[in-house]
PDB file of N, CA and C in Angstrom:
ATOM      1  N   MET A   1     -98.879  58.618 111.522  1.00  0.00           N
ATOM      2  CA  MET A   1     -99.676  57.582 112.153  1.00  0.00           C
ATOM      3  C   MET A   1     -99.026  56.223 111.874  1.00  0.00           C
ATOM      4  N   THR A   2     -98.764  55.481 112.902  1.00  0.00           N
ATOM      5  CA  THR A   2     -98.142  54.168 112.777  1.00  0.00           C
ATOM      6  C   THR A   2     -99.203  53.119 112.488  1.00  0.00           C
ATOM      7  N   THR A   3     -98.913  52.242 111.541  1.00  0.00           N
ATOM      8  CA  THR A   3     -99.802  51.137 111.213  1.00  0.00           C
ATOM      9  C   THR A   3     -99.349  49.899 111.970  1.00  0.00           C
ATOM     10  N   TYR A   4    -100.307  49.147 112.501  1.00  0.00           N
ATOM     11  CA  TYR A   4     -99.989  47.948 113.277  1.00  0.00           C
ATOM     12  C   TYR A   4    -100.536  46.705 112.592  1.00  0.00           C
ATOM     13  N   GLN A   5     -99.807  45.612 112.730  1.00  0.00           N
ATOM     14  CA  GLN A   5    -100.246  44.299 112.258  1.00  0.00           C
ATOM     15  C   GLN A   5    -100.090  43.354 113.436  1.00  0.00           C
ATOM     16  N   GLY A   6    -101.185  42.969 114.051  1.00  0.00           N
ATOM     17  CA  GLY A   6    -101.121  42.069 115.200  1.00  0.00           C
ATOM     18  C   GLY A   6    -100.314  42.619 116.354  1.00  0.00           C
ATOM     19  N   GLY A   7    -100.352  43.934 116.576  1.00  0.00           N
ATOM     20  CA  GLY A   7     -99.620  44.543 117.674  1.00  0.00           C
ATOM     21  C   GLY A   7     -98.189  44.921 117.345  1.00  0.00           C
ATOM     22  N   VAL A   8     -97.760  44.674 116.107  1.00  0.00           N
ATOM     23  CA  VAL A   8     -96.395  44.996 115.701  1.00  0.00           C
ATOM     24  C   VAL A   8     -96.438  46.236 114.819  1.00  0.00           C
ATOM     25  N   ALA A   9     -95.655  47.242 115.165  1.00  0.00           N
ATOM     26  CA  ALA A   9     -95.589  48.454 114.355  1.00  0.00           C
ATOM     27  C   ALA A   9     -94.895  48.132 113.036  1.00  0.00           C
ATOM     28  N   LEU A  10     -95.600  48.341 111.934  1.00  0.00           N
ATOM     29  CA  LEU A  10     -95.033  48.025 110.626  1.00  0.00           C
ATOM     30  C   LEU A  10     -93.848  48.922 110.297  1.00  0.00           C
ATOM     31  N   ALA A  11     -93.776  50.077 110.927  1.00  0.00           N
ATOM     32  CA  ALA A  11     -92.649  50.979 110.699  1.00  0.00           C
ATOM     33  C   ALA A  11     -91.343  50.373 111.201  1.00  0.00           C
ATOM     34  N   ASP A  12     -91.411  49.346 112.038  1.00  0.00           N
ATOM     35  CA  ASP A  12     -90.224  48.711 112.595  1.00  0.00           C
ATOM     36  C   ASP A  12     -89.674  47.607 111.698  1.00  0.00           C
ATOM     37  N   TRP A  13     -90.122  47.560 110.439  1.00  0.00           N
ATOM     38  CA  TRP A  13     -89.692  46.523 109.503  1.00  0.00           C
ATOM     39  C   TRP A  13     -89.363  47.161 108.162  1.00  0.00           C
ATOM     40  N   GLU A  14     -88.394  46.600 107.476  1.00  0.00           N
ATOM     41  CA  GLU A  14     -88.122  47.021 106.106  1.00  0.00           C
ATOM     42  C   GLU A  14     -88.119  45.777 105.229  1.00  0.00           C
ATOM     43  N   THR A  15     -88.568  45.945 103.991  1.00  0.00           N
ATOM     44  CA  THR A  15     -88.681  44.816 103.082  1.00  0.00           C
ATOM     45  C   THR A  15     -87.671  44.950 101.956  1.00  0.00           C
ATOM     46  N   HIS A  16     -86.950  43.873 101.712  1.00  0.00           N
ATOM     47  CA  HIS A  16     -85.989  43.791 100.612  1.00  0.00           C
ATOM     48  C   HIS A  16     -86.552  42.822  99.574  1.00  0.00           C
ATOM     49  N   ASN A  17     -86.452  43.189  98.306  1.00  0.00           N
ATOM     50  CA  ASN A  17     -86.966  42.379  97.202  1.00  0.00           C
ATOM     51  C   ASN A  17     -88.447  42.032  97.414  1.00  0.00           C
ATOM     52  N   PRO A  18     -89.304  43.054  97.502  1.00  0.00           N
ATOM     53  CA  PRO A  18     -90.715  42.810  97.808  1.00  0.00           C
ATOM     54  C   PRO A  18     -91.447  41.951  96.777  1.00  0.00           C
ATOM     55  N   SER A  19     -90.905  41.822  95.583  1.00  0.00           N
ATOM     56  CA  SER A  19     -91.582  41.015  94.559  1.00  0.00           C
ATOM     57  C   SER A  19     -91.208  39.534  94.624  1.00  0.00           C
ATOM     58  N   GLY A  20     -90.374  39.151  95.585  1.00  0.00           N
ATOM     59  CA  GLY A  20     -89.982  37.744  95.712  1.00  0.00           C
ATOM     60  C   GLY A  20     -91.178  36.842  95.967  1.00  0.00           C
ATOM     61  N   SER A  21     -91.106  35.622  95.461  1.00  0.00           N
ATOM     62  CA  SER A  21     -92.235  34.694  95.602  1.00  0.00           C
ATOM     63  C   SER A  21     -92.214  33.927  96.924  1.00  0.00           C
ATOM     64  N   LYS A  22     -91.093  33.953  97.622  1.00  0.00           N
ATOM     65  CA  LYS A  22     -90.993  33.288  98.927  1.00  0.00           C
ATOM     66  C   LYS A  22     -90.812  34.359  99.996  1.00  0.00           C
ATOM     67  N   ARG A  23     -91.393  34.154 101.153  1.00  0.00           N
ATOM     68  CA  ARG A  23     -91.343  35.158 102.227  1.00  0.00           C
ATOM     69  C   ARG A  23     -90.447  34.686 103.360  1.00  0.00           C
ATOM     70  N   VAL A  24     -89.462  35.525 103.690  1.00  0.00           N
ATOM     71  CA  VAL A  24     -88.552  35.258 104.800  1.00  0.00           C
ATOM     72  C   VAL A  24     -88.657  36.416 105.788  1.00  0.00           C
ATOM     73  N   VAL A  25     -88.788  36.096 107.063  1.00  0.00           N
ATOM     74  CA  VAL A  25     -88.800  37.097 108.125  1.00  0.00           C
ATOM     75  C   VAL A  25     -87.513  36.950 108.921  1.00  0.00           C
ATOM     76  N   CYS A  26     -86.789  38.053 109.066  1.00  0.00           N
ATOM     77  CA  CYS A  26     -85.570  38.098 109.879  1.00  0.00           C
ATOM     78  C   CYS A  26     -85.838  39.090 111.005  1.00  0.00           C
ATOM     79  N   THR A  27     -85.767  38.627 112.241  1.00  0.00           N
ATOM     80  CA  THR A  27     -86.230  39.438 113.365  1.00  0.00           C
ATOM     81  C   THR A  27     -85.361  40.646 113.681  1.00  0.00           C
ATOM     82  N   LYS A  28     -84.128  40.669 113.223  1.00  0.00           N
ATOM     83  CA  LYS A  28     -83.218  41.807 113.440  1.00  0.00           C
ATOM     84  C   LYS A  28     -82.338  41.984 112.209  1.00  0.00           C
ATOM     85  N   GLN A  29     -81.758  43.166 112.086  1.00  0.00           N
ATOM     86  CA  GLN A  29     -80.797  43.408 111.016  1.00  0.00           C
ATOM     87  C   GLN A  29     -79.539  42.583 111.272  1.00  0.00           C
ATOM     88  N   LEU A  30     -78.972  42.049 110.203  1.00  0.00           N
ATOM     89  CA  LEU A  30     -77.733  41.277 110.281  1.00  0.00           C
ATOM     90  C   LEU A  30     -76.624  42.071 109.601  1.00  0.00           C
ATOM     91  N   PRO A  31     -75.369  41.784 109.921  1.00  0.00           N
ATOM     92  CA  PRO A  31     -74.272  42.539 109.313  1.00  0.00           C
ATOM     93  C   PRO A  31     -74.165  42.288 107.806  1.00  0.00           C
ATOM     94  N   GLY A  32     -73.771  43.328 107.099  1.00  0.00           N
ATOM     95  CA  GLY A  32     -73.530  43.207 105.664  1.00  0.00           C
ATOM     96  C   GLY A  32     -74.807  43.075 104.859  1.00  0.00           C
ATOM     97  N   THR A  33     -74.638  42.878 103.562  1.00  0.00           N
ATOM     98  CA  THR A  33     -75.786  42.734 102.670  1.00  0.00           C
ATOM     99  C   THR A  33     -75.731  41.462 101.832  1.00  0.00           C
ATOM    100  N   ARG A  34     -74.650  40.727 101.911  1.00  0.00           N
ATOM    101  CA  ARG A  34     -74.512  39.526 101.087  1.00  0.00           C
ATOM    102  C   ARG A  34     -75.649  38.539 101.338  1.00  0.00           C
ATOM    103  N   TRP A  35     -76.049  38.371 102.570  1.00  0.00           N
ATOM    104  CA  TRP A  35     -77.138  37.443 102.884  1.00  0.00           C
ATOM    105  C   TRP A  35     -78.436  37.859 102.206  1.00  0.00           C
ATOM    106  N   LEU A  36     -78.675  39.177 102.115  1.00  0.00           N
ATOM    107  CA  LEU A  36     -79.863  39.675 101.419  1.00  0.00           C
ATOM    108  C   LEU A  36     -79.770  39.396  99.925  1.00  0.00           C
ATOM    109  N   ASP A  37     -78.571  39.561  99.365  1.00  0.00           N
ATOM    110  CA  ASP A  37     -78.359  39.276  97.942  1.00  0.00           C
ATOM    111  C   ASP A  37     -78.630  37.805  97.637  1.00  0.00           C
ATOM    112  N   VAL A  38     -78.150  36.922  98.503  1.00  0.00           N
ATOM    113  CA  VAL A  38     -78.354  35.477  98.313  1.00  0.00           C
ATOM    114  C   VAL A  38     -79.847  35.142  98.355  1.00  0.00           C
ATOM    115  N   LEU A  39     -80.560  35.693  99.320  1.00  0.00           N
ATOM    116  CA  LEU A  39     -81.993  35.416  99.427  1.00  0.00           C
ATOM    117  C   LEU A  39     -82.775  36.029  98.263  1.00  0.00           C
ATOM    118  N   ALA A  40     -82.402  37.215  97.829  1.00  0.00           N
ATOM    119  CA  ALA A  40     -83.065  37.829  96.671  1.00  0.00           C
ATOM    120  C   ALA A  40     -82.833  36.993  95.415  1.00  0.00           C
ATOM    121  N   ALA A  41     -81.617  36.474  95.247  1.00  0.00           N
ATOM    122  CA  ALA A  41     -81.308  35.623  94.093  1.00  0.00           C
ATOM    123  C   ALA A  41     -82.123  34.329  94.121  1.00  0.00           C
ATOM    124  N   ALA A  42     -82.548  33.916  95.315  1.00  0.00           N
ATOM    125  CA  ALA A  42     -83.389  32.723  95.466  1.00  0.00           C
ATOM    126  C   ALA A  42     -84.875  33.084  95.407  1.00  0.00           C
ATOM    127  N   ASP A  43     -85.190  34.296  94.943  1.00  0.00           N
ATOM    128  CA  ASP A  43     -86.557  34.782  94.774  1.00  0.00           C
ATOM    129  C   ASP A  43     -87.304  34.939  96.094  1.00  0.00           C
ATOM    130  N   CYS A  44     -86.587  35.401  97.124  1.00  0.00           N
ATOM    131  CA  CYS A  44     -87.205  35.632  98.431  1.00  0.00           C
ATOM    132  C   CYS A  44     -87.440  37.115  98.665  1.00  0.00           C
ATOM    133  N   SER A  45     -88.591  37.430  99.198  1.00  0.00           N
ATOM    134  CA  SER A  45     -88.865  38.734  99.770  1.00  0.00           C
ATOM    135  C   SER A  45     -88.454  38.625 101.235  1.00  0.00           C
ATOM    136  N   VAL A  46     -87.634  39.569 101.708  1.00  0.00           N
ATOM    137  CA  VAL A  46     -87.088  39.469 103.063  1.00  0.00           C
ATOM    138  C   VAL A  46     -87.560  40.661 103.891  1.00  0.00           C
ATOM    139  N   GLU A  47     -88.253  40.383 104.982  1.00  0.00           N
ATOM    140  CA  GLU A  47     -88.725  41.415 105.896  1.00  0.00           C
ATOM    141  C   GLU A  47     -87.815  41.401 107.119  1.00  0.00           C
ATOM    142  N   VAL A  48     -87.155  42.539 107.359  1.00  0.00           N
ATOM    143  CA  VAL A  48     -86.135  42.629 108.404  1.00  0.00           C
ATOM    144  C   VAL A  48     -86.602  43.583 109.500  1.00  0.00           C
ATOM    145  N   GLY A  49     -86.570  43.110 110.739  1.00  0.00           N
ATOM    146  CA  GLY A  49     -86.904  43.954 111.877  1.00  0.00           C
ATOM    147  C   GLY A  49     -85.827  45.001 112.094  1.00  0.00           C
ATOM    148  N   THR A  50     -86.230  46.248 112.287  1.00  0.00           N
ATOM    149  CA  THR A  50     -85.268  47.335 112.463  1.00  0.00           C
ATOM    150  C   THR A  50     -85.256  47.896 113.879  1.00  0.00           C
ATOM    151  N   SER A  51     -86.138  47.411 114.724  1.00  0.00           N
ATOM    152  CA  SER A  51     -86.197  47.897 116.099  1.00  0.00           C
ATOM    153  C   SER A  51     -84.995  47.404 116.898  1.00  0.00           C
ATOM    154  N   THR A  52     -84.549  48.212 117.840  1.00  0.00           N
ATOM    155  CA  THR A  52     -83.473  47.786 118.737  1.00  0.00           C
ATOM    156  C   THR A  52     -84.024  47.001 119.927  1.00  0.00           C
ATOM    157  N   GLU A  53     -85.341  46.979 120.065  1.00  0.00           N
ATOM    158  CA  GLU A  53     -85.989  46.250 121.154  1.00  0.00           C
ATOM    159  C   GLU A  53     -86.012  44.753 120.841  1.00  0.00           C
ATOM    160  N   ILE A  54     -85.969  43.937 121.879  1.00  0.00           N
ATOM    161  CA  ILE A  54     -86.105  42.493 121.713  1.00  0.00           C
ATOM    162  C   ILE A  54     -87.580  42.188 121.471  1.00  0.00           C
ATOM    163  N   LEU A  55     -87.864  41.451 120.414  1.00  0.00           N
ATOM    164  CA  LEU A  55     -89.241  41.122 120.077  1.00  0.00           C
ATOM    165  C   LEU A  55     -89.782  40.041 121.008  1.00  0.00           C
ATOM    166  N   SER A  56     -91.034  40.199 121.375  1.00  0.00           N
ATOM    167  CA  SER A  56     -91.702  39.187 122.197  1.00  0.00           C
ATOM    168  C   SER A  56     -92.184  38.048 121.299  1.00  0.00           C
ATOM    169  N   VAL A  57     -92.554  36.955 121.923  1.00  0.00           N
ATOM    170  CA  VAL A  57     -93.119  35.826 121.189  1.00  0.00           C
ATOM    171  C   VAL A  57     -94.354  36.277 120.414  1.00  0.00           C
ATOM    172  N   ASP A  58     -95.222  37.060 121.045  1.00  0.00           N
ATOM    173  CA  ASP A  58     -96.437  37.533 120.376  1.00  0.00           C
ATOM    174  C   ASP A  58     -96.116  38.429 119.187  1.00  0.00           C
ATOM    175  N   GLU A  59     -95.111  39.280 119.314  1.00  0.00           N
ATOM    176  CA  GLU A  59     -94.733  40.153 118.202  1.00  0.00           C
ATOM    177  C   GLU A  59     -94.193  39.341 117.022  1.00  0.00           C
ATOM    178  N   ILE A  60     -93.394  38.339 117.312  1.00  0.00           N
ATOM    179  CA  ILE A  60     -92.859  37.495 116.235  1.00  0.00           C
ATOM    180  C   ILE A  60     -93.994  36.729 115.564  1.00  0.00           C
ATOM    181  N   LYS A  61     -94.891  36.170 116.362  1.00  0.00           N
ATOM    182  CA  LYS A  61     -96.029  35.441 115.797  1.00  0.00           C
ATOM    183  C   LYS A  61     -96.883  36.353 114.921  1.00  0.00           C
ATOM    184  N   ALA A  62     -97.093  37.587 115.354  1.00  0.00           N
ATOM    185  CA  ALA A  62     -97.889  38.526 114.572  1.00  0.00           C
ATOM    186  C   ALA A  62     -97.210  38.843 113.244  1.00  0.00           C
ATOM    187  N   LYS A  63     -95.911  39.004 113.263  1.00  0.00           N
ATOM    188  CA  LYS A  63     -95.193  39.319 112.026  1.00  0.00           C
ATOM    189  C   LYS A  63     -95.186  38.134 111.074  1.00  0.00           C
ATOM    190  N   VAL A  64     -95.002  36.939 111.595  1.00  0.00           N
ATOM    191  CA  VAL A  64     -95.023  35.738 110.758  1.00  0.00           C
ATOM    192  C   VAL A  64     -96.391  35.590 110.092  1.00  0.00           C
ATOM    193  N   GLY A  65     -97.442  35.825 110.848  1.00  0.00           N
ATOM    194  CA  GLY A  65     -98.788  35.750 110.291  1.00  0.00           C
ATOM    195  C   GLY A  65     -99.170  34.351 109.852  1.00  0.00           C
ATOM    196  N   ASP A  66     -99.915  34.277 108.753  1.00  0.00           N
ATOM    197  CA  ASP A  66    -100.453  33.005 108.268  1.00  0.00           C
ATOM    198  C   ASP A  66     -99.569  32.313 107.249  1.00  0.00           C
ATOM    199  N   SER A  67     -98.548  33.012 106.755  1.00  0.00           N
ATOM    200  CA  SER A  67     -97.742  32.423 105.685  1.00  0.00           C
ATOM    201  C   SER A  67     -96.310  32.941 105.722  1.00  0.00           C
ATOM    202  N   VAL A  68     -95.369  32.010 105.838  1.00  0.00           N
ATOM    203  CA  VAL A  68     -93.950  32.358 105.809  1.00  0.00           C
ATOM    204  C   VAL A  68     -93.181  31.129 105.327  1.00  0.00           C
ATOM    205  N   ASP A  69     -92.147  31.349 104.547  1.00  0.00           N
ATOM    206  CA  ASP A  69     -91.333  30.236 104.047  1.00  0.00           C
ATOM    207  C   ASP A  69     -90.097  29.996 104.898  1.00  0.00           C
ATOM    208  N   GLY A  70     -89.574  31.064 105.497  1.00  0.00           N
ATOM    209  CA  GLY A  70     -88.385  30.929 106.321  1.00  0.00           C
ATOM    210  C   GLY A  70     -88.315  32.023 107.366  1.00  0.00           C
ATOM    211  N   VAL A  71     -87.652  31.715 108.475  1.00  0.00           N
ATOM    212  CA  VAL A  71     -87.482  32.681 109.559  1.00  0.00           C
ATOM    213  C   VAL A  71     -86.041  32.631 110.036  1.00  0.00           C
ATOM    214  N   ILE A  72     -85.469  33.819 110.250  1.00  0.00           N
ATOM    215  CA  ILE A  72     -84.138  33.939 110.847  1.00  0.00           C
ATOM    216  C   ILE A  72     -84.331  34.612 112.199  1.00  0.00           C
ATOM    217  N   GLY A  73     -84.057  33.873 113.264  1.00  0.00           N
ATOM    218  CA  GLY A  73     -84.217  34.390 114.616  1.00  0.00           C
ATOM    219  C   GLY A  73     -82.874  34.738 115.239  1.00  0.00           C
ATOM    220  N   GLN A  74     -82.935  35.273 116.448  1.00  0.00           N
ATOM    221  CA  GLN A  74     -81.751  35.770 117.139  1.00  0.00           C
ATOM    222  C   GLN A  74     -81.602  35.126 118.516  1.00  0.00           C
ATOM    223  N   LEU A  75     -80.421  35.215 119.044  1.00  0.00           N
ATOM    224  CA  LEU A  75     -80.089  34.674 120.361  1.00  0.00           C
ATOM    225  C   LEU A  75     -80.969  35.257 121.471  1.00  0.00           C
ATOM    226  N   THR A  76     -81.373  36.502 121.325  1.00  0.00           N
ATOM    227  CA  THR A  76     -82.120  37.189 122.383  1.00  0.00           C
ATOM    228  C   THR A  76     -83.580  36.758 122.459  1.00  0.00           C
ATOM    229  N   GLU A  77     -84.029  35.951 121.513  1.00  0.00           N
ATOM    230  CA  GLU A  77     -85.435  35.549 121.454  1.00  0.00           C
ATOM    231  C   GLU A  77     -85.612  34.116 121.958  1.00  0.00           C
ATOM    232  N   ASP A  78     -86.748  33.879 122.575  1.00  0.00           N
ATOM    233  CA  ASP A  78     -87.065  32.559 123.118  1.00  0.00           C
ATOM    234  C   ASP A  78     -87.773  31.721 122.054  1.00  0.00           C
ATOM    235  N   TRP A  79     -87.004  30.884 121.385  1.00  0.00           N
ATOM    236  CA  TRP A  79     -87.570  30.029 120.336  1.00  0.00           C
ATOM    237  C   TRP A  79     -87.976  28.693 120.944  1.00  0.00           C
ATOM    238  N   GLY A  80     -89.194  28.709 121.494  1.00  0.00           N
ATOM    239  CA  GLY A  80     -89.733  27.527 122.147  1.00  0.00           C
ATOM    240  C   GLY A  80     -90.891  26.937 121.363  1.00  0.00           C
ATOM    241  N   GLU A  81     -91.620  26.077 122.029  1.00  0.00           N
ATOM    242  CA  GLU A  81     -92.711  25.336 121.399  1.00  0.00           C
ATOM    243  C   GLU A  81     -93.759  26.248 120.760  1.00  0.00           C
ATOM    244  N   GLU A  82     -94.106  27.343 121.444  1.00  0.00           N
ATOM    245  CA  GLU A  82     -95.147  28.239 120.928  1.00  0.00           C
ATOM    246  C   GLU A  82     -94.747  28.862 119.592  1.00  0.00           C
ATOM    247  N   LEU A  83     -93.509  29.335 119.489  1.00  0.00           N
ATOM    248  CA  LEU A  83     -93.064  29.942 118.232  1.00  0.00           C
ATOM    249  C   LEU A  83     -92.911  28.911 117.123  1.00  0.00           C
ATOM    250  N   PHE A  84     -92.343  27.769 117.435  1.00  0.00           N
ATOM    251  CA  PHE A  84     -92.185  26.753 116.394  1.00  0.00           C
ATOM    252  C   PHE A  84     -93.531  26.239 115.897  1.00  0.00           C
ATOM    253  N   GLU A  85     -94.499  26.132 116.780  1.00  0.00           N
ATOM    254  CA  GLU A  85     -95.840  25.732 116.351  1.00  0.00           C
ATOM    255  C   GLU A  85     -96.434  26.798 115.427  1.00  0.00           C
ATOM    256  N   ALA A  86     -96.236  28.066 115.759  1.00  0.00           N
ATOM    257  CA  ALA A  86     -96.773  29.157 114.938  1.00  0.00           C
ATOM    258  C   ALA A  86     -96.141  29.179 113.548  1.00  0.00           C
ATOM    259  N   ILE A  87     -94.824  29.035 113.476  1.00  0.00           N
ATOM    260  CA  ILE A  87     -94.197  29.088 112.146  1.00  0.00           C
ATOM    261  C   ILE A  87     -94.511  27.819 111.349  1.00  0.00           C
ATOM    262  N   ARG A  88     -94.656  26.702 112.033  1.00  0.00           N
ATOM    263  CA  ARG A  88     -95.043  25.455 111.351  1.00  0.00           C
ATOM    264  C   ARG A  88     -96.426  25.620 110.724  1.00  0.00           C
ATOM    265  N   LYS A  89     -97.376  26.179 111.483  1.00  0.00           N
ATOM    266  CA  LYS A  89     -98.737  26.409 110.969  1.00  0.00           C
ATOM    267  C   LYS A  89     -98.734  27.377 109.790  1.00  0.00           C
ATOM    268  N   ALA A  90     -97.764  28.289 109.773  1.00  0.00           N
ATOM    269  CA  ALA A  90     -97.664  29.273 108.690  1.00  0.00           C
ATOM    270  C   ALA A  90     -96.944  28.707 107.462  1.00  0.00           C
ATOM    271  N   GLY A  91     -96.560  27.436 107.525  1.00  0.00           N
ATOM    272  CA  GLY A  91     -95.926  26.800 106.374  1.00  0.00           C
ATOM    273  C   GLY A  91     -94.427  26.963 106.296  1.00  0.00           C
ATOM    274  N   CYS A  92     -93.814  27.367 107.386  1.00  0.00           N
ATOM    275  CA  CYS A  92     -92.367  27.606 107.396  1.00  0.00           C
ATOM    276  C   CYS A  92     -91.606  26.325 107.054  1.00  0.00           C
ATOM    277  N   LYS A  93     -90.640  26.482 106.165  1.00  0.00           N
ATOM    278  CA  LYS A  93     -89.828  25.349 105.733  1.00  0.00           C
ATOM    279  C   LYS A  93     -88.452  25.331 106.384  1.00  0.00           C
ATOM    280  N   VAL A  94     -87.993  26.496 106.857  1.00  0.00           N
ATOM    281  CA  VAL A  94     -86.656  26.559 107.447  1.00  0.00           C
ATOM    282  C   VAL A  94     -86.607  27.636 108.536  1.00  0.00           C
ATOM    283  N   TYR A  95     -85.936  27.298 109.633  1.00  0.00           N
ATOM    284  CA  TYR A  95     -85.639  28.257 110.692  1.00  0.00           C
ATOM    285  C   TYR A  95     -84.127  28.298 110.841  1.00  0.00           C
ATOM    286  N   ALA A  96     -83.568  29.496 110.877  1.00  0.00           N
ATOM    287  CA  ALA A  96     -82.133  29.675 111.117  1.00  0.00           C
ATOM    288  C   ALA A  96     -81.961  30.531 112.359  1.00  0.00           C
ATOM    289  N   ASN A  97     -81.030  30.143 113.207  1.00  0.00           N
ATOM    290  CA  ASN A  97     -80.741  30.874 114.432  1.00  0.00           C
ATOM    291  C   ASN A  97     -79.427  31.621 114.244  1.00  0.00           C
ATOM    292  N   TYR A  98     -79.480  32.959 114.217  1.00  0.00           N
ATOM    293  CA  TYR A  98     -78.268  33.758 114.065  1.00  0.00           C
ATOM    294  C   TYR A  98     -77.707  34.005 115.462  1.00  0.00           C
ATOM    295  N   ALA A  99     -76.768  33.167 115.861  1.00  0.00           N
ATOM    296  CA  ALA A  99     -76.235  33.242 117.220  1.00  0.00           C
ATOM    297  C   ALA A  99     -75.014  32.351 117.340  1.00  0.00           C
ATOM    298  N   VAL A 100     -74.313  32.540 118.424  1.00  0.00           N
ATOM    299  CA  VAL A 100     -73.273  31.594 118.817  1.00  0.00           C
ATOM    300  C   VAL A 100     -73.951  30.665 119.811  1.00  0.00           C
ATOM    301  N   GLY A 101     -74.142  29.434 119.429  1.00  0.00           N
ATOM    302  CA  GLY A 101     -74.853  28.491 120.274  1.00  0.00           C
ATOM    303  C   GLY A 101     -76.329  28.464 119.950  1.00  0.00           C
ATOM    304  N   TYR A 102     -77.061  27.690 120.732  1.00  0.00           N
ATOM    305  CA  TYR A 102     -78.494  27.539 120.483  1.00  0.00           C
ATOM    306  C   TYR A 102     -79.278  27.326 121.776  1.00  0.00           C
ATOM    307  N   ASN A 103     -78.786  27.879 122.873  1.00  0.00           N
ATOM    308  CA  ASN A 103     -79.497  27.703 124.142  1.00  0.00           C
ATOM    309  C   ASN A 103     -80.826  28.458 124.187  1.00  0.00           C
ATOM    310  N   ASN A 104     -81.102  29.298 123.200  1.00  0.00           N
ATOM    311  CA  ASN A 104     -82.385  29.986 123.108  1.00  0.00           C
ATOM    312  C   ASN A 104     -83.398  29.195 122.278  1.00  0.00           C
ATOM    313  N   VAL A 105     -82.977  28.027 121.758  1.00  0.00           N
ATOM    314  CA  VAL A 105     -83.822  27.223 120.880  1.00  0.00           C
ATOM    315  C   VAL A 105     -84.188  25.911 121.570  1.00  0.00           C
ATOM    316  N   ASN A 106     -85.474  25.637 121.635  1.00  0.00           N
ATOM    317  CA  ASN A 106     -85.944  24.348 122.120  1.00  0.00           C
ATOM    318  C   ASN A 106     -85.813  23.371 120.953  1.00  0.00           C
ATOM    319  N   VAL A 107     -84.750  22.586 120.961  1.00  0.00           N
ATOM    320  CA  VAL A 107     -84.436  21.702 119.836  1.00  0.00           C
ATOM    321  C   VAL A 107     -85.545  20.675 119.617  1.00  0.00           C
ATOM    322  N   ASP A 108     -86.127  20.155 120.684  1.00  0.00           N
ATOM    323  CA  ASP A 108     -87.224  19.190 120.529  1.00  0.00           C
ATOM    324  C   ASP A 108     -88.409  19.821 119.798  1.00  0.00           C
ATOM    325  N   ALA A 109     -88.738  21.063 120.139  1.00  0.00           N
ATOM    326  CA  ALA A 109     -89.849  21.748 119.479  1.00  0.00           C
ATOM    327  C   ALA A 109     -89.517  22.089 118.030  1.00  0.00           C
ATOM    328  N   ALA A 110     -88.240  22.265 117.749  1.00  0.00           N
ATOM    329  CA  ALA A 110     -87.811  22.645 116.401  1.00  0.00           C
ATOM    330  C   ALA A 110     -87.816  21.467 115.435  1.00  0.00           C
ATOM    331  N   THR A 111     -87.791  20.254 115.966  1.00  0.00           N
ATOM    332  CA  THR A 111     -87.673  19.081 115.077  1.00  0.00           C
ATOM    333  C   THR A 111     -88.972  18.322 114.952  1.00  0.00           C
TER     334      THR A 111
END
């Protein structure tokens, strides 16, 4: 039986360093593990999306929930006003875009 959180299947996520005091959501797996080591050393719990599907705005908002310290998004996602407002309300301190370029990011909404 799959468990859902705001319409997002929890089975589609894996958590690294679950005891970390800061919460980081990364919408897709990234190459290598060094980035996870760096975040764990900074006392971050990192939740990584494992689905091959592109996440919708609603799915990302559901995963972020009410509290997040950082988010790593991808080129395939629409990082517009709605998402930036959601992560801002959740207390997000940093957004990183893992991509070549930033045409998927509404820079005005991000600042």
